[in-house]
């Protein structure tokens, strides 16, 4: 658990991790999650792109949690408590973290380099 963000060990922080996110579309009139994310914020009157923007669909960004076990990184929007407890490192979705070179390299190797920024 040495790489866990809540760990008290001192590390040389060299990167800022901004966890990934996904768009989730809601139908505001019915308060329902909708699979029509491609329509939110886009003109759809008459089924064309030239109509007015639909006021009943809204996109909401949702954070994606990254669970690190060794060199394996698993992304999930709904992490289980046991998975969090068993992980070597946990980066909860919707947050920024400062990470050292070793943690950054694991994330880069797993394809999450776009979410890292040198500091």
C-alpha atoms as a PDB file:
ATOM      1  CA  UNK A   1       0.000   0.000   0.000  1.00  0.00           C
ATOM      2  CA  UNK A   2       3.049   2.299  -0.274  1.00  0.00           C
ATOM      3  CA  UNK A   3       1.743   3.982  -3.451  1.00  0.00           C
ATOM      4  CA  UNK A   4      -1.736   4.557  -2.062  1.00  0.00           C
ATOM      5  CA  UNK A   5      -2.605   8.279  -2.323  1.00  0.00           C
ATOM      6  CA  UNK A   6      -3.438   8.318   1.384  1.00  0.00           C
ATOM      7  CA  UNK A   7      -0.008   6.925   2.280  1.00  0.00           C
ATOM      8  CA  UNK A   8       2.189   9.038   4.555  1.00  0.00           C
ATOM      9  CA  UNK A   9       5.476   8.120   2.848  1.00  0.00           C
ATOM     10  CA  UNK A  10       7.450  10.980   1.314  1.00  0.00           C
ATOM     11  CA  UNK A  11       7.885  10.914  -2.476  1.00  0.00           C
ATOM     12  CA  UNK A  12       9.294  13.262  -5.076  1.00  0.00           C
ATOM     13  CA  UNK A  13       6.215  14.432  -6.912  1.00  0.00           C
ATOM     14  CA  UNK A  14       6.815  15.130 -10.575  1.00  0.00           C
ATOM     15  CA  UNK A  15       3.418  14.695 -12.277  1.00  0.00           C
ATOM     16  CA  UNK A  16      -0.172  15.806 -11.793  1.00  0.00           C
ATOM     17  CA  UNK A  17      -2.765  13.172 -12.633  1.00  0.00           C
ATOM     18  CA  UNK A  18      -6.238  14.344 -13.606  1.00  0.00           C
ATOM     19  CA  UNK A  19      -8.418  11.254 -13.586  1.00  0.00           C
ATOM     20  CA  UNK A  20     -10.391  10.415 -16.732  1.00  0.00           C
ATOM     21  CA  UNK A  21     -14.076  11.169 -17.125  1.00  0.00           C
ATOM     22  CA  UNK A  22     -16.958  10.030 -19.308  1.00  0.00           C
ATOM     23  CA  UNK A  23     -20.025  11.916 -20.503  1.00  0.00           C
ATOM     24  CA  UNK A  24     -23.334  10.730 -19.150  1.00  0.00           C
ATOM     25  CA  UNK A  25     -26.476  12.102 -20.765  1.00  0.00           C
ATOM     26  CA  UNK A  26     -29.660  12.756 -18.841  1.00  0.00           C
ATOM     27  CA  UNK A  27     -33.163  13.580 -20.032  1.00  0.00           C
ATOM     28  CA  UNK A  28     -33.901  16.528 -17.767  1.00  0.00           C
ATOM     29  CA  UNK A  29     -37.690  16.374 -18.034  1.00  0.00           C
ATOM     30  CA  UNK A  30     -37.824  12.799 -16.695  1.00  0.00           C
ATOM     31  CA  UNK A  31     -34.568  12.724 -14.675  1.00  0.00           C
ATOM     32  CA  UNK A  32     -33.468   9.609 -16.592  1.00  0.00           C
ATOM     33  CA  UNK A  33     -30.054   8.481 -17.799  1.00  0.00           C
ATOM     34  CA  UNK A  34     -30.179   8.329 -21.601  1.00  0.00           C
ATOM     35  CA  UNK A  35     -28.157   6.432 -24.213  1.00  0.00           C
ATOM     36  CA  UNK A  36     -28.548   9.386 -26.600  1.00  0.00           C
ATOM     37  CA  UNK A  37     -25.327  11.187 -25.632  1.00  0.00           C
ATOM     38  CA  UNK A  38     -24.623  12.000 -29.286  1.00  0.00           C
ATOM     39  CA  UNK A  39     -27.725  14.228 -29.259  1.00  0.00           C
ATOM     40  CA  UNK A  40     -27.107  16.295 -26.116  1.00  0.00           C
ATOM     41  CA  UNK A  41     -26.268  19.908 -26.835  1.00  0.00           C
ATOM     42  CA  UNK A  42     -26.824  19.448 -30.564  1.00  0.00           C
ATOM     43  CA  UNK A  43     -29.625  20.800 -32.750  1.00  0.00           C
ATOM     44  CA  UNK A  44     -32.063  17.982 -33.550  1.00  0.00           C
ATOM     45  CA  UNK A  45     -35.350  19.609 -34.616  1.00  0.00           C
ATOM     46  CA  UNK A  46     -36.663  17.751 -37.643  1.00  0.00           C
ATOM     47  CA  UNK A  47     -33.867  15.210 -37.315  1.00  0.00           C
ATOM     48  CA  UNK A  48     -31.287  17.575 -38.792  1.00  0.00           C
ATOM     49  CA  UNK A  49     -28.288  19.416 -37.463  1.00  0.00           C
ATOM     50  CA  UNK A  50     -29.829  22.785 -38.376  1.00  0.00           C
ATOM     51  CA  UNK A  51     -32.602  22.786 -35.747  1.00  0.00           C
ATOM     52  CA  UNK A  52     -32.639  24.231 -32.243  1.00  0.00           C
ATOM     53  CA  UNK A  53     -30.735  22.653 -29.347  1.00  0.00           C
ATOM     54  CA  UNK A  54     -32.821  20.149 -27.415  1.00  0.00           C
ATOM     55  CA  UNK A  55     -33.444  21.630 -23.940  1.00  0.00           C
ATOM     56  CA  UNK A  56     -34.363  18.255 -22.461  1.00  0.00           C
ATOM     57  CA  UNK A  57     -30.994  16.517 -22.851  1.00  0.00           C
ATOM     58  CA  UNK A  58     -27.947  17.478 -20.811  1.00  0.00           C
ATOM     59  CA  UNK A  59     -24.434  16.005 -20.611  1.00  0.00           C
ATOM     60  CA  UNK A  60     -22.842  15.497 -17.205  1.00  0.00           C
ATOM     61  CA  UNK A  61     -19.161  14.513 -16.884  1.00  0.00           C
ATOM     62  CA  UNK A  62     -18.627  11.560 -14.530  1.00  0.00           C
ATOM     63  CA  UNK A  63     -15.255  10.704 -13.025  1.00  0.00           C
ATOM     64  CA  UNK A  64     -13.551   7.384 -13.728  1.00  0.00           C
ATOM     65  CA  UNK A  65     -11.566   5.753 -10.913  1.00  0.00           C
ATOM     66  CA  UNK A  66      -8.190   4.160 -11.658  1.00  0.00           C
ATOM     67  CA  UNK A  67      -7.230   1.107  -9.584  1.00  0.00           C
ATOM     68  CA  UNK A  68      -3.565   0.086  -9.778  1.00  0.00           C
ATOM     69  CA  UNK A  69      -2.433  -3.458  -8.913  1.00  0.00           C
ATOM     70  CA  UNK A  70       1.233  -3.946  -9.709  1.00  0.00           C
ATOM     71  CA  UNK A  71       1.519  -2.746 -13.298  1.00  0.00           C
ATOM     72  CA  UNK A  72      -2.148  -3.352 -14.128  1.00  0.00           C
ATOM     73  CA  UNK A  73      -4.478  -0.352 -14.198  1.00  0.00           C
ATOM     74  CA  UNK A  74      -8.240  -0.894 -14.155  1.00  0.00           C
ATOM     75  CA  UNK A  75     -10.654   1.944 -14.940  1.00  0.00           C
ATOM     76  CA  UNK A  76     -14.133   1.880 -13.416  1.00  0.00           C
ATOM     77  CA  UNK A  77     -16.888   4.359 -12.684  1.00  0.00           C
ATOM     78  CA  UNK A  78     -18.198   2.252  -9.814  1.00  0.00           C
ATOM     79  CA  UNK A  79     -15.318   0.827  -7.730  1.00  0.00           C
ATOM     80  CA  UNK A  80     -16.159  -1.801  -5.121  1.00  0.00           C
ATOM     81  CA  UNK A  81     -14.898  -1.287  -1.565  1.00  0.00           C
ATOM     82  CA  UNK A  82     -12.922  -4.550  -1.659  1.00  0.00           C
ATOM     83  CA  UNK A  83     -11.250  -3.531  -4.936  1.00  0.00           C
ATOM     84  CA  UNK A  84     -10.261  -0.194  -3.396  1.00  0.00           C
ATOM     85  CA  UNK A  85      -8.904  -1.908  -0.271  1.00  0.00           C
ATOM     86  CA  UNK A  86      -6.930  -4.472  -2.317  1.00  0.00           C
ATOM     87  CA  UNK A  87      -5.384  -1.972  -4.765  1.00  0.00           C
ATOM     88  CA  UNK A  88      -1.774  -0.830  -4.564  1.00  0.00           C
ATOM     89  CA  UNK A  89      -2.921   2.672  -5.573  1.00  0.00           C
ATOM     90  CA  UNK A  90      -6.337   4.254  -5.964  1.00  0.00           C
ATOM     91  CA  UNK A  91      -7.067   7.412  -7.926  1.00  0.00           C
ATOM     92  CA  UNK A  92     -10.731   8.256  -7.397  1.00  0.00           C
ATOM     93  CA  UNK A  93     -12.519   9.729 -10.400  1.00  0.00           C
ATOM     94  CA  UNK A  94     -13.108  13.454 -10.469  1.00  0.00           C
ATOM     95  CA  UNK A  95      -9.937  14.341  -8.562  1.00  0.00           C
ATOM     96  CA  UNK A  96      -6.377  15.510  -9.215  1.00  0.00           C
ATOM     97  CA  UNK A  97      -3.376  13.748  -7.715  1.00  0.00           C
ATOM     98  CA  UNK A  98       0.329  14.458  -7.559  1.00  0.00           C
ATOM     99  CA  UNK A  99       2.292  11.297  -8.364  1.00  0.00           C
ATOM    100  CA  UNK A 100       5.944  10.304  -8.529  1.00  0.00           C
ATOM    101  CA  UNK A 101       7.863   8.990 -11.546  1.00  0.00           C
ATOM    102  CA  UNK A 102       7.202   5.331 -10.711  1.00  0.00           C
ATOM    103  CA  UNK A 103       3.421   5.761 -10.458  1.00  0.00           C
ATOM    104  CA  UNK A 104       3.426   7.955 -13.588  1.00  0.00           C
ATOM    105  CA  UNK A 105       5.310   5.321 -15.578  1.00  0.00           C
ATOM    106  CA  UNK A 106       2.773   2.646 -14.621  1.00  0.00           C
ATOM    107  CA  UNK A 107      -0.049   4.924 -15.805  1.00  0.00           C
ATOM    108  CA  UNK A 108       1.796   5.819 -19.028  1.00  0.00           C
ATOM    109  CA  UNK A 109       2.478   2.154 -19.808  1.00  0.00           C
ATOM    110  CA  UNK A 110      -1.217   1.379 -19.243  1.00  0.00           C
ATOM    111  CA  UNK A 111      -2.278   4.057 -21.742  1.00  0.00           C
ATOM    112  CA  UNK A 112      -3.163   6.884 -19.360  1.00  0.00           C
ATOM    113  CA  UNK A 113      -0.297   9.231 -20.275  1.00  0.00           C
ATOM    114  CA  UNK A 114      -2.723  11.840 -21.651  1.00  0.00           C
ATOM    115  CA  UNK A 115      -4.019  12.366 -18.108  1.00  0.00           C
ATOM    116  CA  UNK A 116      -0.572  13.232 -16.709  1.00  0.00           C
ATOM    117  CA  UNK A 117       1.024  16.660 -16.686  1.00  0.00           C
ATOM    118  CA  UNK A 118       4.637  17.309 -15.578  1.00  0.00           C
ATOM    119  CA  UNK A 119       4.923  19.732 -12.665  1.00  0.00           C
END
